């Protein structure tokens, strides 16, 4: 074994030991994350207590709060907004269905009139 290889091996070994002994400092502690709601979500289901060492997907998060009451308030607002959006979407879909039904009825009447005229 070359001296340079031995030196690298010793340095890697020392670094691994040092890294294992060092514990991260967490001055922040825990905080509360409000996830984006999905259909059927509850306030308790979208508020998560986490630490800075937990994995967080930023795309699924509405906010990060130091206190649970603020997180709960945001969760309630988010769920209400989502439910309102769902109701609007359902109303739009019903309007579309009604309009489509009306168009089909008019097509049928027009076809019947054309048959009578022939």
PDB file of N, CA and C in Angstrom:
ATOM      1  N   UNK A   1       0.859  -1.182   0.000  1.00  0.00           N
ATOM      2  CA  UNK A   1       0.000   0.000   0.000  1.00  0.00           C
ATOM      3  C   UNK A   1       0.894   1.231   0.000  1.00  0.00           C
ATOM      4  N   UNK A   2       0.526   2.172  -0.833  1.00  0.00           N
ATOM      5  CA  UNK A   2       1.300   3.405  -0.935  1.00  0.00           C
ATOM      6  C   UNK A   2       1.029   4.289   0.272  1.00  0.00           C
ATOM      7  N   UNK A   3       1.974   5.134   0.551  1.00  0.00           N
ATOM      8  CA  UNK A   3       1.843   6.066   1.673  1.00  0.00           C
ATOM      9  C   UNK A   3       0.659   7.010   1.441  1.00  0.00           C
ATOM     10  N   UNK A   4       0.457   7.464   0.206  1.00  0.00           N
ATOM     11  CA  UNK A   4      -0.654   8.378  -0.086  1.00  0.00           C
ATOM     12  C   UNK A   4      -2.006   7.688   0.117  1.00  0.00           C
ATOM     13  N   UNK A   5      -2.093   6.400  -0.261  1.00  0.00           N
ATOM     14  CA  UNK A   5      -3.337   5.650  -0.050  1.00  0.00           C
ATOM     15  C   UNK A   5      -3.609   5.465   1.436  1.00  0.00           C
ATOM     16  N   UNK A   6      -2.559   5.181   2.189  1.00  0.00           N
ATOM     17  CA  UNK A   6      -2.697   5.017   3.632  1.00  0.00           C
ATOM     18  C   UNK A   6      -3.148   6.320   4.278  1.00  0.00           C
ATOM     19  N   UNK A   7      -2.585   7.432   3.813  1.00  0.00           N
ATOM     20  CA  UNK A   7      -2.942   8.751   4.345  1.00  0.00           C
ATOM     21  C   UNK A   7      -4.424   9.031   4.073  1.00  0.00           C
ATOM     22  N   UNK A   8      -4.919   8.754   2.849  1.00  0.00           N
ATOM     23  CA  UNK A   8      -6.329   8.958   2.505  1.00  0.00           C
ATOM     24  C   UNK A   8      -7.239   8.104   3.378  1.00  0.00           C
ATOM     25  N   UNK A   9      -6.830   6.863   3.601  1.00  0.00           N
ATOM     26  CA  UNK A   9      -7.616   5.950   4.423  1.00  0.00           C
ATOM     27  C   UNK A   9      -7.727   6.448   5.854  1.00  0.00           C
ATOM     28  N   UNK A  10      -6.630   6.938   6.391  1.00  0.00           N
ATOM     29  CA  UNK A  10      -6.630   7.467   7.771  1.00  0.00           C
ATOM     30  C   UNK A  10      -7.510   8.708   7.856  1.00  0.00           C
ATOM     31  N   UNK A  11      -7.389   9.599   6.891  1.00  0.00           N
ATOM     32  CA  UNK A  11      -8.187  10.839   6.903  1.00  0.00           C
ATOM     33  C   UNK A  11      -9.672  10.514   6.802  1.00  0.00           C
ATOM     34  N   UNK A  12     -10.050   9.593   5.912  1.00  0.00           N
ATOM     35  CA  UNK A  12     -11.457   9.198   5.779  1.00  0.00           C
ATOM     36  C   UNK A  12     -11.983   8.602   7.073  1.00  0.00           C
ATOM     37  N   UNK A  13     -11.176   7.777   7.721  1.00  0.00           N
ATOM     38  CA  UNK A  13     -11.578   7.138   8.970  1.00  0.00           C
ATOM     39  C   UNK A  13     -11.795   8.179  10.064  1.00  0.00           C
ATOM     40  N   UNK A  14     -10.874   9.125  10.161  1.00  0.00           N
ATOM     41  CA  UNK A  14     -10.992  10.182  11.176  1.00  0.00           C
ATOM     42  C   UNK A  14     -12.220  11.043  10.892  1.00  0.00           C
ATOM     43  N   UNK A  15     -12.436  11.402   9.629  1.00  0.00           N
ATOM     44  CA  UNK A  15     -13.596  12.228   9.275  1.00  0.00           C
ATOM     45  C   UNK A  15     -14.908  11.527   9.606  1.00  0.00           C
ATOM     46  N   UNK A  16     -14.988  10.224   9.340  1.00  0.00           N
ATOM     47  CA  UNK A  16     -16.209   9.476   9.650  1.00  0.00           C
ATOM     48  C   UNK A  16     -16.471   9.472  11.150  1.00  0.00           C
ATOM     49  N   UNK A  17     -15.429   9.290  11.951  1.00  0.00           N
ATOM     50  CA  UNK A  17     -15.595   9.285  13.407  1.00  0.00           C
ATOM     51  C   UNK A  17     -16.038  10.654  13.898  1.00  0.00           C
ATOM     52  N   UNK A  18     -15.453  11.701  13.366  1.00  0.00           N
ATOM     53  CA  UNK A  18     -15.811  13.048  13.790  1.00  0.00           C
ATOM     54  C   UNK A  18     -17.260  13.350  13.414  1.00  0.00           C
ATOM     55  N   UNK A  19     -17.641  12.965  12.204  1.00  0.00           N
ATOM     56  CA  UNK A  19     -19.010  13.222  11.764  1.00  0.00           C
ATOM     57  C   UNK A  19     -20.018  12.445  12.590  1.00  0.00           C
ATOM     58  N   UNK A  20     -19.683  11.242  13.008  1.00  0.00           N
ATOM     59  CA  UNK A  20     -20.601  10.451  13.813  1.00  0.00           C
ATOM     60  C   UNK A  20     -20.790  11.056  15.199  1.00  0.00           C
ATOM     61  N   UNK A  21     -19.749  11.675  15.742  1.00  0.00           N
ATOM     62  CA  UNK A  21     -19.820  12.223  17.087  1.00  0.00           C
ATOM     63  C   UNK A  21     -20.506  13.578  17.140  1.00  0.00           C
ATOM     64  N   UNK A  22     -20.481  14.336  16.060  1.00  0.00           N
ATOM     65  CA  UNK A  22     -21.074  15.663  16.044  1.00  0.00           C
ATOM     66  C   UNK A  22     -22.584  15.536  15.879  1.00  0.00           C
ATOM     67  N   UNK A  23     -23.305  16.074  16.845  1.00  0.00           N
ATOM     68  CA  UNK A  23     -24.763  16.079  16.755  1.00  0.00           C
ATOM     69  C   UNK A  23     -25.202  17.470  16.316  1.00  0.00           C
ATOM     70  N   UNK A  24     -26.153  17.550  15.420  1.00  0.00           N
ATOM     71  CA  UNK A  24     -26.580  18.868  14.938  1.00  0.00           C
ATOM     72  C   UNK A  24     -27.290  19.656  16.032  1.00  0.00           C
ATOM     73  N   UNK A  25     -27.108  20.957  15.986  1.00  0.00           N
ATOM     74  CA  UNK A  25     -27.762  21.855  16.932  1.00  0.00           C
ATOM     75  C   UNK A  25     -29.102  22.256  16.341  1.00  0.00           C
ATOM     76  N   UNK A  26     -30.134  22.152  17.138  1.00  0.00           N
ATOM     77  CA  UNK A  26     -31.471  22.530  16.683  1.00  0.00           C
ATOM     78  C   UNK A  26     -32.004  23.602  17.615  1.00  0.00           C
ATOM     79  N   UNK A  27     -31.755  24.860  17.255  1.00  0.00           N
ATOM     80  CA  UNK A  27     -32.250  25.966  18.071  1.00  0.00           C
ATOM     81  C   UNK A  27     -33.689  26.323  17.725  1.00  0.00           C
ATOM     82  N   UNK A  28     -34.166  25.823  16.595  1.00  0.00           N
ATOM     83  CA  UNK A  28     -35.522  26.124  16.167  1.00  0.00           C
ATOM     84  C   UNK A  28     -36.523  25.235  16.888  1.00  0.00           C
ATOM     85  N   UNK A  29     -36.185  23.970  17.054  1.00  0.00           N
ATOM     86  CA  UNK A  29     -37.107  23.028  17.676  1.00  0.00           C
ATOM     87  C   UNK A  29     -38.178  22.609  16.698  1.00  0.00           C
ATOM     88  N   UNK A  30     -39.352  22.335  17.198  1.00  0.00           N
ATOM     89  CA  UNK A  30     -40.416  21.886  16.302  1.00  0.00           C
ATOM     90  C   UNK A  30     -41.230  23.083  15.821  1.00  0.00           C
ATOM     91  N   UNK A  31     -41.855  22.886  14.671  1.00  0.00           N
ATOM     92  CA  UNK A  31     -42.737  23.891  14.096  1.00  0.00           C
ATOM     93  C   UNK A  31     -43.862  23.152  13.406  1.00  0.00           C
ATOM     94  N   UNK A  32     -44.824  23.884  12.912  1.00  0.00           N
ATOM     95  CA  UNK A  32     -46.016  23.268  12.328  1.00  0.00           C
ATOM     96  C   UNK A  32     -46.109  23.618  10.844  1.00  0.00           C
ATOM     97  N   UNK A  33     -46.299  22.599  10.038  1.00  0.00           N
ATOM     98  CA  UNK A  33     -46.412  22.750   8.598  1.00  0.00           C
ATOM     99  C   UNK A  33     -47.858  22.476   8.204  1.00  0.00           C
ATOM    100  N   UNK A  34     -48.421  23.369   7.396  1.00  0.00           N
ATOM    101  CA  UNK A  34     -49.772  23.172   6.872  1.00  0.00           C
ATOM    102  C   UNK A  34     -49.623  22.727   5.423  1.00  0.00           C
ATOM    103  N   UNK A  35     -50.064  21.507   5.145  1.00  0.00           N
ATOM    104  CA  UNK A  35     -49.998  20.971   3.789  1.00  0.00           C
ATOM    105  C   UNK A  35     -51.203  21.435   2.997  1.00  0.00           C
ATOM    106  N   UNK A  36     -51.082  21.419   1.683  1.00  0.00           N
ATOM    107  CA  UNK A  36     -52.204  21.773   0.811  1.00  0.00           C
ATOM    108  C   UNK A  36     -53.282  20.705   0.968  1.00  0.00           C
ATOM    109  N   UNK A  37     -54.533  21.131   1.153  1.00  0.00           N
ATOM    110  CA  UNK A  37     -55.601  20.143   1.370  1.00  0.00           C
ATOM    111  C   UNK A  37     -55.993  19.431   0.086  1.00  0.00           C
ATOM    112  N   UNK A  38     -56.497  18.230   0.276  1.00  0.00           N
ATOM    113  CA  UNK A  38     -57.070  17.440  -0.815  1.00  0.00           C
ATOM    114  C   UNK A  38     -58.515  17.166  -0.426  1.00  0.00           C
ATOM    115  N   UNK A  39     -59.282  16.673  -1.362  1.00  0.00           N
ATOM    116  CA  UNK A  39     -60.686  16.396  -1.064  1.00  0.00           C
ATOM    117  C   UNK A  39     -60.765  15.432   0.111  1.00  0.00           C
ATOM    118  N   UNK A  40     -61.559  15.781   1.111  1.00  0.00           N
ATOM    119  CA  UNK A  40     -61.720  14.942   2.288  1.00  0.00           C
ATOM    120  C   UNK A  40     -60.706  15.234   3.378  1.00  0.00           C
ATOM    121  N   UNK A  41     -59.842  16.237   3.187  1.00  0.00           N
ATOM    122  CA  UNK A  41     -58.829  16.572   4.201  1.00  0.00           C
ATOM    123  C   UNK A  41     -59.488  17.153   5.439  1.00  0.00           C
ATOM    124  N   UNK A  42     -58.851  16.906   6.568  1.00  0.00           N
ATOM    125  CA  UNK A  42     -59.281  17.508   7.825  1.00  0.00           C
ATOM    126  C   UNK A  42     -58.175  18.417   8.328  1.00  0.00           C
ATOM    127  N   UNK A  43     -58.532  19.310   9.237  1.00  0.00           N
ATOM    128  CA  UNK A  43     -57.541  20.226   9.785  1.00  0.00           C
ATOM    129  C   UNK A  43     -56.425  19.441  10.457  1.00  0.00           C
ATOM    130  N   UNK A  44     -56.785  18.446  11.229  1.00  0.00           N
ATOM    131  CA  UNK A  44     -55.780  17.636  11.921  1.00  0.00           C
ATOM    132  C   UNK A  44     -54.905  16.861  10.941  1.00  0.00           C
ATOM    133  N   UNK A  45     -55.463  16.531   9.794  1.00  0.00           N
ATOM    134  CA  UNK A  45     -54.723  15.752   8.815  1.00  0.00           C
ATOM    135  C   UNK A  45     -53.709  16.540   8.016  1.00  0.00           C
ATOM    136  N   UNK A  46     -53.896  17.869   7.902  1.00  0.00           N
ATOM    137  CA  UNK A  46     -52.967  18.651   7.092  1.00  0.00           C
ATOM    138  C   UNK A  46     -52.010  19.505   7.914  1.00  0.00           C
ATOM    139  N   UNK A  47     -52.168  19.511   9.244  1.00  0.00           N
ATOM    140  CA  UNK A  47     -51.221  20.218  10.111  1.00  0.00           C
ATOM    141  C   UNK A  47     -50.258  19.183  10.678  1.00  0.00           C
ATOM    142  N   UNK A  48     -48.962  19.337  10.374  1.00  0.00           N
ATOM    143  CA  UNK A  48     -47.943  18.378  10.806  1.00  0.00           C
ATOM    144  C   UNK A  48     -46.908  19.075  11.679  1.00  0.00           C
ATOM    145  N   UNK A  49     -46.586  18.463  12.802  1.00  0.00           N
ATOM    146  CA  UNK A  49     -45.497  18.972  13.633  1.00  0.00           C
ATOM    147  C   UNK A  49     -44.198  18.370  13.112  1.00  0.00           C
ATOM    148  N   UNK A  50     -43.195  19.234  12.854  1.00  0.00           N
ATOM    149  CA  UNK A  50     -41.950  18.768  12.264  1.00  0.00           C
ATOM    150  C   UNK A  50     -40.757  19.472  12.900  1.00  0.00           C
ATOM    151  N   UNK A  51     -39.583  19.000  12.538  1.00  0.00           N
ATOM    152  CA  UNK A  51     -38.337  19.669  12.905  1.00  0.00           C
ATOM    153  C   UNK A  51     -37.590  19.995  11.620  1.00  0.00           C
ATOM    154  N   UNK A  52     -36.533  20.777  11.733  1.00  0.00           N
ATOM    155  CA  UNK A  52     -35.778  21.152  10.537  1.00  0.00           C
ATOM    156  C   UNK A  52     -35.106  19.953   9.896  1.00  0.00           C
ATOM    157  N   UNK A  53     -35.030  18.842  10.581  1.00  0.00           N
ATOM    158  CA  UNK A  53     -34.376  17.661  10.050  1.00  0.00           C
ATOM    159  C   UNK A  53     -35.343  16.708   9.347  1.00  0.00           C
ATOM    160  N   UNK A  54     -36.633  17.006   9.381  1.00  0.00           N
ATOM    161  CA  UNK A  54     -37.628  16.201   8.672  1.00  0.00           C
ATOM    162  C   UNK A  54     -37.667  16.628   7.211  1.00  0.00           C
ATOM    163  N   UNK A  55     -38.058  15.702   6.368  1.00  0.00           N
ATOM    164  CA  UNK A  55     -38.176  16.007   4.934  1.00  0.00           C
ATOM    165  C   UNK A  55     -39.483  16.742   4.675  1.00  0.00           C
ATOM    166  N   UNK A  56     -39.372  17.845   3.947  1.00  0.00           N
ATOM    167  CA  UNK A  56     -40.544  18.633   3.597  1.00  0.00           C
ATOM    168  C   UNK A  56     -40.546  18.826   2.088  1.00  0.00           C
ATOM    169  N   UNK A  57     -41.678  18.529   1.459  1.00  0.00           N
ATOM    170  CA  UNK A  57     -41.824  18.775   0.034  1.00  0.00           C
ATOM    171  C   UNK A  57     -42.441  20.167  -0.128  1.00  0.00           C
ATOM    172  N   UNK A  58     -41.665  21.143  -0.583  1.00  0.00           N
ATOM    173  CA  UNK A  58     -42.169  22.514  -0.669  1.00  0.00           C
ATOM    174  C   UNK A  58     -43.404  22.662  -1.557  1.00  0.00           C
ATOM    175  N   UNK A  59     -43.587  21.769  -2.510  1.00  0.00           N
ATOM    176  CA  UNK A  59     -44.738  21.863  -3.404  1.00  0.00           C
ATOM    177  C   UNK A  59     -46.037  21.512  -2.698  1.00  0.00           C
ATOM    178  N   UNK A  60     -45.943  20.803  -1.588  1.00  0.00           N
ATOM    179  CA  UNK A  60     -47.163  20.384  -0.896  1.00  0.00           C
ATOM    180  C   UNK A  60     -47.443  21.218   0.351  1.00  0.00           C
ATOM    181  N   UNK A  61     -46.676  22.299   0.549  1.00  0.00           N
ATOM    182  CA  UNK A  61     -46.782  23.075   1.784  1.00  0.00           C
ATOM    183  C   UNK A  61     -47.374  24.455   1.504  1.00  0.00           C
ATOM    184  N   UNK A  62     -48.318  24.866   2.342  1.00  0.00           N
ATOM    185  CA  UNK A  62     -48.873  26.219   2.270  1.00  0.00           C
ATOM    186  C   UNK A  62     -48.109  27.187   3.156  1.00  0.00           C
ATOM    187  N   UNK A  63     -47.578  26.704   4.264  1.00  0.00           N
ATOM    188  CA  UNK A  63     -46.851  27.581   5.172  1.00  0.00           C
ATOM    189  C   UNK A  63     -46.221  26.815   6.313  1.00  0.00           C
ATOM    190  N   UNK A  64     -45.323  27.511   7.012  1.00  0.00           N
ATOM    191  CA  UNK A  64     -44.648  26.952   8.174  1.00  0.00           C
ATOM    192  C   UNK A  64     -44.878  27.919   9.329  1.00  0.00           C
ATOM    193  N   UNK A  65     -45.356  27.403  10.447  1.00  0.00           N
ATOM    194  CA  UNK A  65     -45.759  28.239  11.566  1.00  0.00           C
ATOM    195  C   UNK A  65     -45.093  27.782  12.863  1.00  0.00           C
ATOM    196  N   UNK A  66     -44.766  28.739  13.707  1.00  0.00           N
ATOM    197  CA  UNK A  66     -44.123  28.423  14.982  1.00  0.00           C
ATOM    198  C   UNK A  66     -45.125  27.921  16.015  1.00  0.00           C
ATOM    199  N   UNK A  67     -46.374  28.318  15.875  1.00  0.00           N
ATOM    200  CA  UNK A  67     -47.381  27.930  16.870  1.00  0.00           C
ATOM    201  C   UNK A  67     -48.554  27.228  16.186  1.00  0.00           C
ATOM    202  N   UNK A  68     -49.074  26.231  16.888  1.00  0.00           N
ATOM    203  CA  UNK A  68     -50.170  25.432  16.338  1.00  0.00           C
ATOM    204  C   UNK A  68     -51.427  26.254  16.054  1.00  0.00           C
ATOM    205  N   UNK A  69     -51.853  27.201  16.900  1.00  0.00           N
ATOM    206  CA  UNK A  69     -53.083  27.945  16.576  1.00  0.00           C
ATOM    207  C   UNK A  69     -53.019  28.655  15.218  1.00  0.00           C
ATOM    208  N   UNK A  70     -51.889  29.234  14.894  1.00  0.00           N
ATOM    209  CA  UNK A  70     -51.744  29.898  13.593  1.00  0.00           C
ATOM    210  C   UNK A  70     -51.817  28.872  12.462  1.00  0.00           C
ATOM    211  N   UNK A  71     -51.204  27.714  12.675  1.00  0.00           N
ATOM    212  CA  UNK A  71     -51.244  26.650  11.663  1.00  0.00           C
ATOM    213  C   UNK A  71     -52.669  26.135  11.495  1.00  0.00           C
ATOM    214  N   UNK A  72     -53.381  25.956  12.606  1.00  0.00           N
ATOM    215  CA  UNK A  72     -54.768  25.487  12.541  1.00  0.00           C
ATOM    216  C   UNK A  72     -55.660  26.481  11.805  1.00  0.00           C
ATOM    217  N   UNK A  73     -55.426  27.785  12.042  1.00  0.00           N
ATOM    218  CA  UNK A  73     -56.219  28.813  11.364  1.00  0.00           C
ATOM    219  C   UNK A  73     -55.981  28.748   9.857  1.00  0.00           C
ATOM    220  N   UNK A  74     -54.728  28.631   9.449  1.00  0.00           N
ATOM    221  CA  UNK A  74     -54.417  28.546   8.019  1.00  0.00           C
ATOM    222  C   UNK A  74     -55.015  27.271   7.416  1.00  0.00           C
ATOM    223  N   UNK A  75     -54.961  26.168   8.156  1.00  0.00           N
ATOM    224  CA  UNK A  75     -55.527  24.910   7.671  1.00  0.00           C
ATOM    225  C   UNK A  75     -57.033  25.047   7.456  1.00  0.00           C
ATOM    226  N   UNK A  76     -57.717  25.679   8.400  1.00  0.00           N
ATOM    227  CA  UNK A  76     -59.169  25.881   8.260  1.00  0.00           C
ATOM    228  C   UNK A  76     -59.479  26.731   7.042  1.00  0.00           C
ATOM    229  N   UNK A  77     -58.723  27.816   6.851  1.00  0.00           N
ATOM    230  CA  UNK A  77     -58.933  28.688   5.693  1.00  0.00           C
ATOM    231  C   UNK A  77     -58.692  27.922   4.391  1.00  0.00           C
ATOM    232  N   UNK A  78     -57.637  27.127   4.356  1.00  0.00           N
ATOM    233  CA  UNK A  78     -57.287  26.387   3.143  1.00  0.00           C
ATOM    234  C   UNK A  78     -58.372  25.371   2.792  1.00  0.00           C
ATOM    235  N   UNK A  79     -58.895  24.684   3.801  1.00  0.00           N
ATOM    236  CA  UNK A  79     -59.947  23.694   3.556  1.00  0.00           C
ATOM    237  C   UNK A  79     -61.214  24.383   3.053  1.00  0.00           C
ATOM    238  N   UNK A  80     -61.568  25.538   3.652  1.00  0.00           N
ATOM    239  CA  UNK A  80     -62.752  26.273   3.189  1.00  0.00           C
ATOM    240  C   UNK A  80     -62.578  26.726   1.741  1.00  0.00           C
ATOM    241  N   UNK A  81     -61.388  27.229   1.406  1.00  0.00           N
ATOM    242  CA  UNK A  81     -61.122  27.665   0.024  1.00  0.00           C
ATOM    243  C   UNK A  81     -61.219  26.485  -0.946  1.00  0.00           C
ATOM    244  N   UNK A  82     -60.669  25.338  -0.542  1.00  0.00           N
ATOM    245  CA  UNK A  82     -60.714  24.166  -1.406  1.00  0.00           C
ATOM    246  C   UNK A  82     -62.160  23.710  -1.610  1.00  0.00           C
ATOM    247  N   UNK A  83     -62.948  23.666  -0.529  1.00  0.00           N
ATOM    248  CA  UNK A  83     -64.348  23.249  -0.639  1.00  0.00           C
ATOM    249  C   UNK A  83     -65.134  24.211  -1.522  1.00  0.00           C
ATOM    250  N   UNK A  84     -64.853  25.516  -1.416  1.00  0.00           N
ATOM    251  CA  UNK A  84     -65.524  26.505  -2.267  1.00  0.00           C
ATOM    252  C   UNK A  84     -65.136  26.292  -3.728  1.00  0.00           C
ATOM    253  N   UNK A  85     -63.868  25.993  -3.979  1.00  0.00           N
ATOM    254  CA  UNK A  85     -63.413  25.730  -5.348  1.00  0.00           C
ATOM    255  C   UNK A  85     -64.095  24.496  -5.923  1.00  0.00           C
ATOM    256  N   UNK A  86     -64.236  23.469  -5.102  1.00  0.00           N
ATOM    257  CA  UNK A  86     -64.905  22.240  -5.551  1.00  0.00           C
ATOM    258  C   UNK A  86     -66.365  22.529  -5.887  1.00  0.00           C
ATOM    259  N   UNK A  87     -67.041  23.327  -5.042  1.00  0.00           N
ATOM    260  CA  UNK A  87     -68.443  23.670  -5.310  1.00  0.00           C
ATOM    261  C   UNK A  87     -68.564  24.464  -6.610  1.00  0.00           C
ATOM    262  N   UNK A  88     -67.646  25.414  -6.827  1.00  0.00           N
ATOM    263  CA  UNK A  88     -67.667  26.188  -8.066  1.00  0.00           C
ATOM    264  C   UNK A  88     -67.455  25.284  -9.276  1.00  0.00           C
ATOM    265  N   UNK A  89     -66.529  24.367  -9.146  1.00  0.00           N
ATOM    266  CA  UNK A  89     -66.253  23.434 -10.246  1.00  0.00           C
ATOM    267  C   UNK A  89     -67.469  22.569 -10.532  1.00  0.00           C
ATOM    268  N   UNK A  90     -68.101  22.053  -9.475  1.00  0.00           N
ATOM    269  CA  UNK A  90     -69.300  21.230  -9.659  1.00  0.00           C
ATOM    270  C   UNK A  90     -70.424  22.028 -10.312  1.00  0.00           C
ATOM    271  N   UNK A  91     -70.587  23.298  -9.907  1.00  0.00           N
ATOM    272  CA  UNK A  91     -71.622  24.145 -10.508  1.00  0.00           C
ATOM    273  C   UNK A  91     -71.327  24.376 -11.989  1.00  0.00           C
ATOM    274  N   UNK A  92     -70.076  24.629 -12.311  1.00  0.00           N
ATOM    275  CA  UNK A  92     -69.694  24.829 -13.715  1.00  0.00           C
ATOM    276  C   UNK A  92     -69.934  23.567 -14.535  1.00  0.00           C
ATOM    277  N   UNK A  93     -69.609  22.427 -13.954  1.00  0.00           N
ATOM    278  CA  UNK A  93     -69.829  21.163 -14.656  1.00  0.00           C
ATOM    279  C   UNK A  93     -71.317  20.925 -14.888  1.00  0.00           C
ATOM    280  N   UNK A  94     -72.144  21.247 -13.892  1.00  0.00           N
ATOM    281  CA  UNK A  94     -73.592  21.083 -14.049  1.00  0.00           C
ATOM    282  C   UNK A  94     -74.133  22.025 -15.122  1.00  0.00           C
ATOM    283  N   UNK A  95     -73.633  23.269 -15.158  1.00  0.00           N
ATOM    284  CA  UNK A  95     -74.048  24.210 -16.201  1.00  0.00           C
ATOM    285  C   UNK A  95     -73.673  23.662 -17.580  1.00  0.00           C
ATOM    286  N   UNK A  96     -72.477  23.119 -17.687  1.00  0.00           N
ATOM    287  CA  UNK A  96     -72.025  22.541 -18.957  1.00  0.00           C
ATOM    288  C   UNK A  96     -72.923  21.381 -19.368  1.00  0.00           C
ATOM    289  N   UNK A  97     -73.225  20.501 -18.425  1.00  0.00           N
ATOM    290  CA  UNK A  97     -74.092  19.355 -18.731  1.00  0.00           C
ATOM    291  C   UNK A  97     -75.473  19.821 -19.181  1.00  0.00           C
ATOM    292  N   UNK A  98     -76.018  20.821 -18.473  1.00  0.00           N
ATOM    293  CA  UNK A  98     -77.340  21.345 -18.839  1.00  0.00           C
ATOM    294  C   UNK A  98     -77.302  21.963 -20.233  1.00  0.00           C
ATOM    295  N   UNK A  99     -76.252  22.723 -20.526  1.00  0.00           N
ATOM    296  CA  UNK A  99     -76.136  23.348 -21.843  1.00  0.00           C
ATOM    297  C   UNK A  99     -76.003  22.282 -22.926  1.00  0.00           C
ATOM    298  N   UNK A 100     -75.219  21.266 -22.651  1.00  0.00           N
ATOM    299  CA  UNK A 100     -75.044  20.178 -23.620  1.00  0.00           C
ATOM    300  C   UNK A 100     -76.373  19.459 -23.851  1.00  0.00           C
ATOM    301  N   UNK A 101     -77.117  19.239 -22.765  1.00  0.00           N
ATOM    302  CA  UNK A 101     -78.413  18.580 -22.875  1.00  0.00           C
ATOM    303  C   UNK A 101     -79.362  19.435 -23.714  1.00  0.00           C
ATOM    304  N   UNK A 102     -79.348  20.749 -23.490  1.00  0.00           N
ATOM    305  CA  UNK A 102     -80.191  21.665 -24.261  1.00  0.00           C
ATOM    306  C   UNK A 102     -79.826  21.652 -25.736  1.00  0.00           C
ATOM    307  N   UNK A 103     -78.536  21.625 -26.020  1.00  0.00           N
ATOM    308  CA  UNK A 103     -78.080  21.581 -27.412  1.00  0.00           C
ATOM    309  C   UNK A 103     -78.539  20.291 -28.073  1.00  0.00           C
ATOM    310  N   UNK A 104     -78.400  19.166 -27.369  1.00  0.00           N
ATOM    311  CA  UNK A 104     -78.838  17.878 -27.932  1.00  0.00           C
ATOM    312  C   UNK A 104     -80.339  17.861 -28.205  1.00  0.00           C
ATOM    313  N   UNK A 105     -81.124  18.469 -27.292  1.00  0.00           N
ATOM    314  CA  UNK A 105     -82.574  18.533 -27.493  1.00  0.00           C
ATOM    315  C   UNK A 105     -82.912  19.378 -28.722  1.00  0.00           C
ATOM    316  N   UNK A 106     -82.213  20.511 -28.883  1.00  0.00           N
ATOM    317  CA  UNK A 106     -82.452  21.369 -30.051  1.00  0.00           C
ATOM    318  C   UNK A 106     -82.045  20.669 -31.344  1.00  0.00           C
ATOM    319  N   UNK A 107     -80.954  19.895 -31.296  1.00  0.00           N
ATOM    320  CA  UNK A 107     -80.535  19.134 -32.479  1.00  0.00           C
ATOM    321  C   UNK A 107     -81.618  18.132 -32.873  1.00  0.00           C
ATOM    322  N   UNK A 108     -82.168  17.478 -31.853  1.00  0.00           N
ATOM    323  CA  UNK A 108     -83.200  16.465 -32.118  1.00  0.00           C
ATOM    324  C   UNK A 108     -84.438  17.124 -32.723  1.00  0.00           C
ATOM    325  N   UNK A 109     -84.848  18.272 -32.169  1.00  0.00           N
ATOM    326  CA  UNK A 109     -86.008  18.977 -32.706  1.00  0.00           C
ATOM    327  C   UNK A 109     -85.750  19.429 -34.147  1.00  0.00           C
ATOM    328  N   UNK A 110     -84.543  19.920 -34.394  1.00  0.00           N
ATOM    329  CA  UNK A 110     -84.201  20.363 -35.755  1.00  0.00           C
ATOM    330  C   UNK A 110     -84.228  19.170 -36.714  1.00  0.00           C
ATOM    331  N   UNK A 111     -83.710  18.024 -36.273  1.00  0.00           N
ATOM    332  CA  UNK A 111     -83.726  16.827 -37.121  1.00  0.00           C
ATOM    333  C   UNK A 111     -85.156  16.394 -37.403  1.00  0.00           C
ATOM    334  N   UNK A 112     -86.035  16.469 -36.402  1.00  0.00           N
ATOM    335  CA  UNK A 112     -87.439  16.104 -36.595  1.00  0.00           C
ATOM    336  C   UNK A 112     -88.114  17.045 -37.587  1.00  0.00           C
ATOM    337  N   UNK A 113     -87.840  18.343 -37.491  1.00  0.00           N
ATOM    338  CA  UNK A 113     -88.428  19.318 -38.416  1.00  0.00           C
ATOM    339  C   UNK A 113     -87.952  19.055 -39.842  1.00  0.00           C
ATOM    340  N   UNK A 114     -86.669  18.738 -39.994  1.00  0.00           N
ATOM    341  CA  UNK A 114     -86.121  18.447 -41.324  1.00  0.00           C
ATOM    342  C   UNK A 114     -86.782  17.209 -41.919  1.00  0.00           C
ATOM    343  N   UNK A 115     -87.017  16.190 -41.080  1.00  0.00           N
ATOM    344  CA  UNK A 115     -87.685  14.975 -41.562  1.00  0.00           C
ATOM    345  C   UNK A 115     -89.104  15.286 -42.044  1.00  0.00           C
ATOM    346  N   UNK A 116     -89.805  16.146 -41.319  1.00  0.00           N
ATOM    347  CA  UNK A 116     -91.169  16.503 -41.694  1.00  0.00           C
ATOM    348  C   UNK A 116     -91.191  17.279 -43.010  1.00  0.00           C
ATOM    349  N   UNK A 117     -90.186  18.089 -43.225  1.00  0.00           N
ATOM    350  CA  UNK A 117     -90.131  18.905 -44.441  1.00  0.00           C
ATOM    351  C   UNK A 117     -89.762  18.076 -45.672  1.00  0.00           C
ATOM    352  N   UNK A 118     -89.189  16.951 -45.537  1.00  0.00           N
ATOM    353  CA  UNK A 118     -88.791  16.114 -46.682  1.00  0.00           C
ATOM    354  C   UNK A 118     -89.940  15.385 -47.203  1.00  0.00           C
TER     355      UNK A 118
END
